[in-house]
């Protein structure tokens, strides 16, 4: 009677956790793309801070990452028969 093993029920399915990890990677890549572009001399302004990578690409990666996170949370696990 005491030898019965209970199956642990997790809140999310394995695929949900996979999407969470993918979303986190997108967010990290987005923040890494925003790095740099500054000038070493504070008296000289660098236009590199306004390039495509930092203004368009990096925020897009971050928003896609957050979208994947929302999908991972809202995705319902598959029903087992």
PDB file of N, CA and C in Angstrom:
ATOM      1  N   UNK A   1       0.815  -1.176   0.000  1.00  0.00           N
ATOM      2  CA  UNK A   1       0.000   0.000   0.000  1.00  0.00           C
ATOM      3  C   UNK A   1       0.868   1.252   0.000  1.00  0.00           C
ATOM      4  N   UNK A   2       1.969   1.214   0.731  1.00  0.00           N
ATOM      5  CA  UNK A   2       2.845   2.378   0.788  1.00  0.00           C
ATOM      6  C   UNK A   2       3.828   2.412  -0.378  1.00  0.00           C
ATOM      7  N   UNK A   3       3.874   1.361  -1.172  1.00  0.00           N
ATOM      8  CA  UNK A   3       4.815   1.293  -2.286  1.00  0.00           C
ATOM      9  C   UNK A   3       4.297   1.980  -3.542  1.00  0.00           C
ATOM     10  N   UNK A   4       3.118   2.534  -3.484  1.00  0.00           N
ATOM     11  CA  UNK A   4       2.542   3.186  -4.662  1.00  0.00           C
ATOM     12  C   UNK A   4       3.299   4.488  -4.942  1.00  0.00           C
ATOM     13  N   UNK A   5       3.711   4.638  -6.180  1.00  0.00           N
ATOM     14  CA  UNK A   5       4.423   5.853  -6.564  1.00  0.00           C
ATOM     15  C   UNK A   5       3.444   6.819  -7.201  1.00  0.00           C
ATOM     16  N   UNK A   6       3.508   8.057  -6.764  1.00  0.00           N
ATOM     17  CA  UNK A   6       2.671   9.088  -7.355  1.00  0.00           C
ATOM     18  C   UNK A   6       3.429   9.742  -8.500  1.00  0.00           C
ATOM     19  N   UNK A   7       2.713   9.982  -9.570  1.00  0.00           N
ATOM     20  CA  UNK A   7       3.310  10.705 -10.683  1.00  0.00           C
ATOM     21  C   UNK A   7       3.268  12.190 -10.351  1.00  0.00           C
ATOM     22  N   UNK A   8       4.411  12.842 -10.473  1.00  0.00           N
ATOM     23  CA  UNK A   8       4.469  14.268 -10.167  1.00  0.00           C
ATOM     24  C   UNK A   8       3.802  15.052 -11.290  1.00  0.00           C
ATOM     25  N   UNK A   9       2.896  15.914 -10.925  1.00  0.00           N
ATOM     26  CA  UNK A   9       2.223  16.760 -11.895  1.00  0.00           C
ATOM     27  C   UNK A   9       2.892  18.127 -11.900  1.00  0.00           C
ATOM     28  N   UNK A  10       3.440  18.475 -13.045  1.00  0.00           N
ATOM     29  CA  UNK A  10       4.056  19.781 -13.202  1.00  0.00           C
ATOM     30  C   UNK A  10       3.035  20.746 -13.775  1.00  0.00           C
ATOM     31  N   UNK A  11       3.260  22.000 -13.536  1.00  0.00           N
ATOM     32  CA  UNK A  11       2.351  23.021 -14.039  1.00  0.00           C
ATOM     33  C   UNK A  11       2.390  23.094 -15.560  1.00  0.00           C
ATOM     34  N   UNK A  12       3.578  22.951 -16.137  1.00  0.00           N
ATOM     35  CA  UNK A  12       3.738  23.040 -17.582  1.00  0.00           C
ATOM     36  C   UNK A  12       4.230  21.718 -18.141  1.00  0.00           C
ATOM     37  N   UNK A  13       4.025  21.559 -19.440  1.00  0.00           N
ATOM     38  CA  UNK A  13       4.498  20.394 -20.165  1.00  0.00           C
ATOM     39  C   UNK A  13       5.957  20.623 -20.583  1.00  0.00           C
ATOM     40  N   UNK A  14       6.593  19.572 -21.088  1.00  0.00           N
ATOM     41  CA  UNK A  14       7.987  19.692 -21.519  1.00  0.00           C
ATOM     42  C   UNK A  14       8.137  20.723 -22.640  1.00  0.00           C
ATOM     43  N   UNK A  15       7.170  20.766 -23.544  1.00  0.00           N
ATOM     44  CA  UNK A  15       7.251  21.725 -24.653  1.00  0.00           C
ATOM     45  C   UNK A  15       7.130  23.167 -24.150  1.00  0.00           C
ATOM     46  N   UNK A  16       6.366  23.379 -23.075  1.00  0.00           N
ATOM     47  CA  UNK A  16       6.250  24.721 -22.511  1.00  0.00           C
ATOM     48  C   UNK A  16       7.607  25.210 -22.007  1.00  0.00           C
ATOM     49  N   UNK A  17       8.321  24.345 -21.325  1.00  0.00           N
ATOM     50  CA  UNK A  17       9.642  24.726 -20.817  1.00  0.00           C
ATOM     51  C   UNK A  17      10.619  24.985 -21.965  1.00  0.00           C
ATOM     52  N   UNK A  18      10.464  24.223 -23.048  1.00  0.00           N
ATOM     53  CA  UNK A  18      11.312  24.443 -24.221  1.00  0.00           C
ATOM     54  C   UNK A  18      11.070  25.846 -24.783  1.00  0.00           C
ATOM     55  N   UNK A  19       9.805  26.245 -24.871  1.00  0.00           N
ATOM     56  CA  UNK A  19       9.490  27.588 -25.367  1.00  0.00           C
ATOM     57  C   UNK A  19       9.979  28.672 -24.406  1.00  0.00           C
ATOM     58  N   UNK A  20       9.935  28.414 -23.113  1.00  0.00           N
ATOM     59  CA  UNK A  20      10.440  29.386 -22.135  1.00  0.00           C
ATOM     60  C   UNK A  20      11.938  29.611 -22.348  1.00  0.00           C
ATOM     61  N   UNK A  21      12.678  28.535 -22.541  1.00  0.00           N
ATOM     62  CA  UNK A  21      14.125  28.651 -22.753  1.00  0.00           C
ATOM     63  C   UNK A  21      14.420  29.386 -24.057  1.00  0.00           C
ATOM     64  N   UNK A  22      13.664  29.068 -25.116  1.00  0.00           N
ATOM     65  CA  UNK A  22      13.855  29.759 -26.396  1.00  0.00           C
ATOM     66  C   UNK A  22      13.559  31.249 -26.246  1.00  0.00           C
ATOM     67  N   UNK A  23      12.499  31.591 -25.522  1.00  0.00           N
ATOM     68  CA  UNK A  23      12.157  32.994 -25.298  1.00  0.00           C
ATOM     69  C   UNK A  23      13.232  33.731 -24.525  1.00  0.00           C
ATOM     70  N   UNK A  24      13.774  33.086 -23.507  1.00  0.00           N
ATOM     71  CA  UNK A  24      14.853  33.702 -22.725  1.00  0.00           C
ATOM     72  C   UNK A  24      16.083  33.932 -23.600  1.00  0.00           C
ATOM     73  N   UNK A  25      16.385  32.976 -24.480  1.00  0.00           N
ATOM     74  CA  UNK A  25      17.530  33.149 -25.381  1.00  0.00           C
ATOM     75  C   UNK A  25      17.316  34.323 -26.332  1.00  0.00           C
ATOM     76  N   UNK A  26      16.096  34.485 -26.847  1.00  0.00           N
ATOM     77  CA  UNK A  26      15.804  35.633 -27.714  1.00  0.00           C
ATOM     78  C   UNK A  26      16.007  36.944 -26.959  1.00  0.00           C
ATOM     79  N   UNK A  27      15.553  37.003 -25.718  1.00  0.00           N
ATOM     80  CA  UNK A  27      15.698  38.222 -24.923  1.00  0.00           C
ATOM     81  C   UNK A  27      17.174  38.520 -24.657  1.00  0.00           C
ATOM     82  N   UNK A  28      17.939  37.496 -24.319  1.00  0.00           N
ATOM     83  CA  UNK A  28      19.374  37.685 -24.066  1.00  0.00           C
ATOM     84  C   UNK A  28      20.086  38.158 -25.331  1.00  0.00           C
ATOM     85  N   UNK A  29      19.759  37.545 -26.479  1.00  0.00           N
ATOM     86  CA  UNK A  29      20.372  37.966 -27.742  1.00  0.00           C
ATOM     87  C   UNK A  29      20.018  39.417 -28.044  1.00  0.00           C
ATOM     88  N   UNK A  30      18.778  39.807 -27.771  1.00  0.00           N
ATOM     89  CA  UNK A  30      18.363  41.188 -27.997  1.00  0.00           C
ATOM     90  C   UNK A  30      19.161  42.172 -27.167  1.00  0.00           C
ATOM     91  N   UNK A  31      19.370  41.846 -25.898  1.00  0.00           N
ATOM     92  CA  UNK A  31      20.159  42.748 -25.054  1.00  0.00           C
ATOM     93  C   UNK A  31      21.628  42.762 -25.471  1.00  0.00           C
ATOM     94  N   UNK A  32      22.148  41.630 -25.919  1.00  0.00           N
ATOM     95  CA  UNK A  32      23.533  41.609 -26.388  1.00  0.00           C
ATOM     96  C   UNK A  32      23.702  42.434 -27.662  1.00  0.00           C
ATOM     97  N   UNK A  33      22.661  42.443 -28.511  1.00  0.00           N
ATOM     98  CA  UNK A  33      22.736  43.254 -29.727  1.00  0.00           C
ATOM     99  C   UNK A  33      22.717  44.748 -29.420  1.00  0.00           C
ATOM    100  N   UNK A  34      22.181  45.130 -28.273  1.00  0.00           N
ATOM    101  CA  UNK A  34      22.139  46.548 -27.900  1.00  0.00           C
ATOM    102  C   UNK A  34      23.464  47.054 -27.339  1.00  0.00           C
ATOM    103  N   UNK A  35      24.359  46.160 -26.975  1.00  0.00           N
ATOM    104  CA  UNK A  35      25.624  46.571 -26.363  1.00  0.00           C
ATOM    105  C   UNK A  35      26.486  47.373 -27.324  1.00  0.00           C
ATOM    106  N   UNK A  36      27.299  48.223 -26.764  1.00  0.00           N
ATOM    107  CA  UNK A  36      28.304  48.957 -27.528  1.00  0.00           C
ATOM    108  C   UNK A  36      27.756  50.188 -28.206  1.00  0.00           C
ATOM    109  N   UNK A  37      28.544  50.705 -29.119  1.00  0.00           N
ATOM    110  CA  UNK A  37      28.141  51.875 -29.886  1.00  0.00           C
ATOM    111  C   UNK A  37      28.530  53.194 -29.263  1.00  0.00           C
ATOM    112  N   UNK A  38      29.039  53.144 -28.065  1.00  0.00           N
ATOM    113  CA  UNK A  38      29.435  54.383 -27.401  1.00  0.00           C
ATOM    114  C   UNK A  38      30.829  54.813 -27.809  1.00  0.00           C
ATOM    115  N   UNK A  39      31.142  56.027 -27.506  1.00  0.00           N
ATOM    116  CA  UNK A  39      32.459  56.568 -27.812  1.00  0.00           C
ATOM    117  C   UNK A  39      33.335  56.483 -26.564  1.00  0.00           C
ATOM    118  N   UNK A  40      34.604  56.211 -26.760  1.00  0.00           N
ATOM    119  CA  UNK A  40      35.523  56.161 -25.620  1.00  0.00           C
ATOM    120  C   UNK A  40      35.801  57.560 -25.073  1.00  0.00           C
ATOM    121  N   UNK A  41      35.726  58.543 -25.942  1.00  0.00           N
ATOM    122  CA  UNK A  41      35.938  59.934 -25.543  1.00  0.00           C
ATOM    123  C   UNK A  41      34.574  60.586 -25.309  1.00  0.00           C
ATOM    124  N   UNK A  42      34.295  61.079 -24.105  1.00  0.00           N
ATOM    125  CA  UNK A  42      32.975  61.657 -23.833  1.00  0.00           C
ATOM    126  C   UNK A  42      32.693  62.949 -24.597  1.00  0.00           C
ATOM    127  N   UNK A  43      33.721  63.564 -25.166  1.00  0.00           N
ATOM    128  CA  UNK A  43      33.525  64.801 -25.922  1.00  0.00           C
ATOM    129  C   UNK A  43      33.146  64.554 -27.380  1.00  0.00           C
ATOM    130  N   UNK A  44      33.270  63.310 -27.831  1.00  0.00           N
ATOM    131  CA  UNK A  44      32.965  62.967 -29.222  1.00  0.00           C
ATOM    132  C   UNK A  44      31.703  62.112 -29.239  1.00  0.00           C
ATOM    133  N   UNK A  45      30.710  62.546 -30.034  1.00  0.00           N
ATOM    134  CA  UNK A  45      29.459  61.805 -30.155  1.00  0.00           C
ATOM    135  C   UNK A  45      29.583  60.778 -31.273  1.00  0.00           C
ATOM    136  N   UNK A  46      29.172  59.560 -30.987  1.00  0.00           N
ATOM    137  CA  UNK A  46      29.239  58.488 -31.970  1.00  0.00           C
ATOM    138  C   UNK A  46      27.844  58.198 -32.519  1.00  0.00           C
ATOM    139  N   UNK A  47      27.720  58.202 -33.841  1.00  0.00           N
ATOM    140  CA  UNK A  47      26.439  57.891 -34.490  1.00  0.00           C
ATOM    141  C   UNK A  47      26.148  56.391 -34.483  1.00  0.00           C
ATOM    142  N   UNK A  48      27.113  55.581 -34.066  1.00  0.00           N
ATOM    143  CA  UNK A  48      26.924  54.132 -34.021  1.00  0.00           C
ATOM    144  C   UNK A  48      25.784  53.723 -33.089  1.00  0.00           C
ATOM    145  N   UNK A  49      25.461  54.563 -32.146  1.00  0.00           N
ATOM    146  CA  UNK A  49      24.412  54.235 -31.189  1.00  0.00           C
ATOM    147  C   UNK A  49      23.037  54.201 -31.864  1.00  0.00           C
ATOM    148  N   UNK A  50      22.913  54.847 -33.022  1.00  0.00           N
ATOM    149  CA  UNK A  50      21.636  54.910 -33.728  1.00  0.00           C
ATOM    150  C   UNK A  50      21.607  54.020 -34.967  1.00  0.00           C
ATOM    151  N   UNK A  51      22.397  52.972 -35.019  1.00  0.00           N
ATOM    152  CA  UNK A  51      22.379  52.125 -36.206  1.00  0.00           C
ATOM    153  C   UNK A  51      21.206  51.138 -36.155  1.00  0.00           C
ATOM    154  N   UNK A  52      20.995  50.433 -37.251  1.00  0.00           N
ATOM    155  CA  UNK A  52      19.860  49.520 -37.402  1.00  0.00           C
ATOM    156  C   UNK A  52      19.837  48.438 -36.326  1.00  0.00           C
ATOM    157  N   UNK A  53      21.010  47.934 -35.998  1.00  0.00           N
ATOM    158  CA  UNK A  53      21.107  46.839 -35.028  1.00  0.00           C
ATOM    159  C   UNK A  53      20.559  47.234 -33.665  1.00  0.00           C
ATOM    160  N   UNK A  54      20.862  48.430 -33.205  1.00  0.00           N
ATOM    161  CA  UNK A  54      20.469  48.846 -31.858  1.00  0.00           C
ATOM    162  C   UNK A  54      19.077  49.455 -31.803  1.00  0.00           C
ATOM    163  N   UNK A  55      18.603  50.020 -32.905  1.00  0.00           N
ATOM    164  CA  UNK A  55      17.312  50.708 -32.898  1.00  0.00           C
ATOM    165  C   UNK A  55      16.178  49.793 -33.350  1.00  0.00           C
ATOM    166  N   UNK A  56      16.420  48.911 -34.300  1.00  0.00           N
ATOM    167  CA  UNK A  56      15.351  48.069 -34.849  1.00  0.00           C
ATOM    168  C   UNK A  56      15.505  46.595 -34.492  1.00  0.00           C
ATOM    169  N   UNK A  57      16.678  46.041 -34.732  1.00  0.00           N
ATOM    170  CA  UNK A  57      16.873  44.598 -34.604  1.00  0.00           C
ATOM    171  C   UNK A  57      16.814  44.120 -33.154  1.00  0.00           C
ATOM    172  N   UNK A  58      17.543  44.761 -32.268  1.00  0.00           N
ATOM    173  CA  UNK A  58      17.586  44.333 -30.867  1.00  0.00           C
ATOM    174  C   UNK A  58      16.221  44.433 -30.182  1.00  0.00           C
ATOM    175  N   UNK A  59      15.490  45.544 -30.305  1.00  0.00           N
ATOM    176  CA  UNK A  59      14.154  45.579 -29.691  1.00  0.00           C
ATOM    177  C   UNK A  59      13.199  44.555 -30.297  1.00  0.00           C
ATOM    178  N   UNK A  60      13.353  44.263 -31.597  1.00  0.00           N
ATOM    179  CA  UNK A  60      12.509  43.239 -32.218  1.00  0.00           C
ATOM    180  C   UNK A  60      12.785  41.875 -31.595  1.00  0.00           C
ATOM    181  N   UNK A  61      14.054  41.551 -31.373  1.00  0.00           N
ATOM    182  CA  UNK A  61      14.404  40.287 -30.728  1.00  0.00           C
ATOM    183  C   UNK A  61      13.811  40.219 -29.321  1.00  0.00           C
ATOM    184  N   UNK A  62      13.875  41.308 -28.592  1.00  0.00           N
ATOM    185  CA  UNK A  62      13.352  41.323 -27.226  1.00  0.00           C
ATOM    186  C   UNK A  62      11.837  41.157 -27.225  1.00  0.00           C
ATOM    187  N   UNK A  63      11.143  41.852 -28.109  1.00  0.00           N
ATOM    188  CA  UNK A  63       9.686  41.717 -28.171  1.00  0.00           C
ATOM    189  C   UNK A  63       9.269  40.321 -28.622  1.00  0.00           C
ATOM    190  N   UNK A  64       9.995  39.742 -29.570  1.00  0.00           N
ATOM    191  CA  UNK A  64       9.711  38.368 -29.986  1.00  0.00           C
ATOM    192  C   UNK A  64       9.936  37.418 -28.816  1.00  0.00           C
ATOM    193  N   UNK A  65      10.996  37.643 -28.049  1.00  0.00           N
ATOM    194  CA  UNK A  65      11.262  36.808 -26.874  1.00  0.00           C
ATOM    195  C   UNK A  65      10.145  36.888 -25.850  1.00  0.00           C
ATOM    196  N   UNK A  66       9.641  38.096 -25.593  1.00  0.00           N
ATOM    197  CA  UNK A  66       8.523  38.230 -24.658  1.00  0.00           C
ATOM    198  C   UNK A  66       7.257  37.589 -25.221  1.00  0.00           C
ATOM    199  N   UNK A  67       7.058  37.683 -26.526  1.00  0.00           N
ATOM    200  CA  UNK A  67       5.914  37.016 -27.150  1.00  0.00           C
ATOM    201  C   UNK A  67       5.993  35.507 -27.007  1.00  0.00           C
ATOM    202  N   UNK A  68       7.180  34.955 -27.167  1.00  0.00           N
ATOM    203  CA  UNK A  68       7.370  33.513 -26.980  1.00  0.00           C
ATOM    204  C   UNK A  68       7.103  33.136 -25.529  1.00  0.00           C
ATOM    205  N   UNK A  69       7.503  33.989 -24.591  1.00  0.00           N
ATOM    206  CA  UNK A  69       7.233  33.723 -23.174  1.00  0.00           C
ATOM    207  C   UNK A  69       5.729  33.673 -22.899  1.00  0.00           C
ATOM    208  N   UNK A  70       4.992  34.616 -23.459  1.00  0.00           N
ATOM    209  CA  UNK A  70       3.537  34.635 -23.265  1.00  0.00           C
ATOM    210  C   UNK A  70       2.922  33.379 -23.862  1.00  0.00           C
ATOM    211  N   UNK A  71       3.383  32.992 -25.059  1.00  0.00           N
ATOM    212  CA  UNK A  71       2.877  31.770 -25.691  1.00  0.00           C
ATOM    213  C   UNK A  71       3.186  30.546 -24.831  1.00  0.00           C
ATOM    214  N   UNK A  72       4.394  30.484 -24.272  1.00  0.00           N
ATOM    215  CA  UNK A  72       4.776  29.338 -23.446  1.00  0.00           C
ATOM    216  C   UNK A  72       3.908  29.239 -22.199  1.00  0.00           C
ATOM    217  N   UNK A  73       3.521  30.368 -21.645  1.00  0.00           N
ATOM    218  CA  UNK A  73       2.687  30.353 -20.442  1.00  0.00           C
ATOM    219  C   UNK A  73       1.250  29.975 -20.788  1.00  0.00           C
ATOM    220  N   UNK A  74       0.732  30.488 -21.892  1.00  0.00           N
ATOM    221  CA  UNK A  74      -0.673  30.269 -22.232  1.00  0.00           C
ATOM    222  C   UNK A  74      -0.932  28.962 -22.968  1.00  0.00           C
ATOM    223  N   UNK A  75       0.103  28.322 -23.498  1.00  0.00           N
ATOM    224  CA  UNK A  75      -0.069  27.071 -24.239  1.00  0.00           C
ATOM    225  C   UNK A  75      -0.529  25.981 -23.280  1.00  0.00           C
ATOM    226  N   UNK A  76      -1.636  25.344 -23.622  1.00  0.00           N
ATOM    227  CA  UNK A  76      -2.152  24.292 -22.743  1.00  0.00           C
ATOM    228  C   UNK A  76      -1.431  22.981 -23.039  1.00  0.00           C
ATOM    229  N   UNK A  77      -1.154  22.202 -22.001  1.00  0.00           N
ATOM    230  CA  UNK A  77      -0.459  20.930 -22.215  1.00  0.00           C
ATOM    231  C   UNK A  77      -1.365  19.939 -22.938  1.00  0.00           C
ATOM    232  N   UNK A  78      -0.739  18.999 -23.630  1.00  0.00           N
ATOM    233  CA  UNK A  78      -1.498  17.983 -24.354  1.00  0.00           C
ATOM    234  C   UNK A  78      -2.173  17.049 -23.358  1.00  0.00           C
ATOM    235  N   UNK A  79      -3.386  16.669 -23.682  1.00  0.00           N
ATOM    236  CA  UNK A  79      -4.133  15.754 -22.816  1.00  0.00           C
ATOM    237  C   UNK A  79      -3.679  14.325 -23.077  1.00  0.00           C
ATOM    238  N   UNK A  80      -3.387  13.594 -22.012  1.00  0.00           N
ATOM    239  CA  UNK A  80      -3.004  12.193 -22.142  1.00  0.00           C
ATOM    240  C   UNK A  80      -4.240  11.326 -22.004  1.00  0.00           C
ATOM    241  N   UNK A  81      -4.298  10.292 -22.837  1.00  0.00           N
ATOM    242  CA  UNK A  81      -5.465   9.400 -22.797  1.00  0.00           C
ATOM    243  C   UNK A  81      -5.194   8.182 -21.963  1.00  0.00           C
TER     244      UNK A  81
END
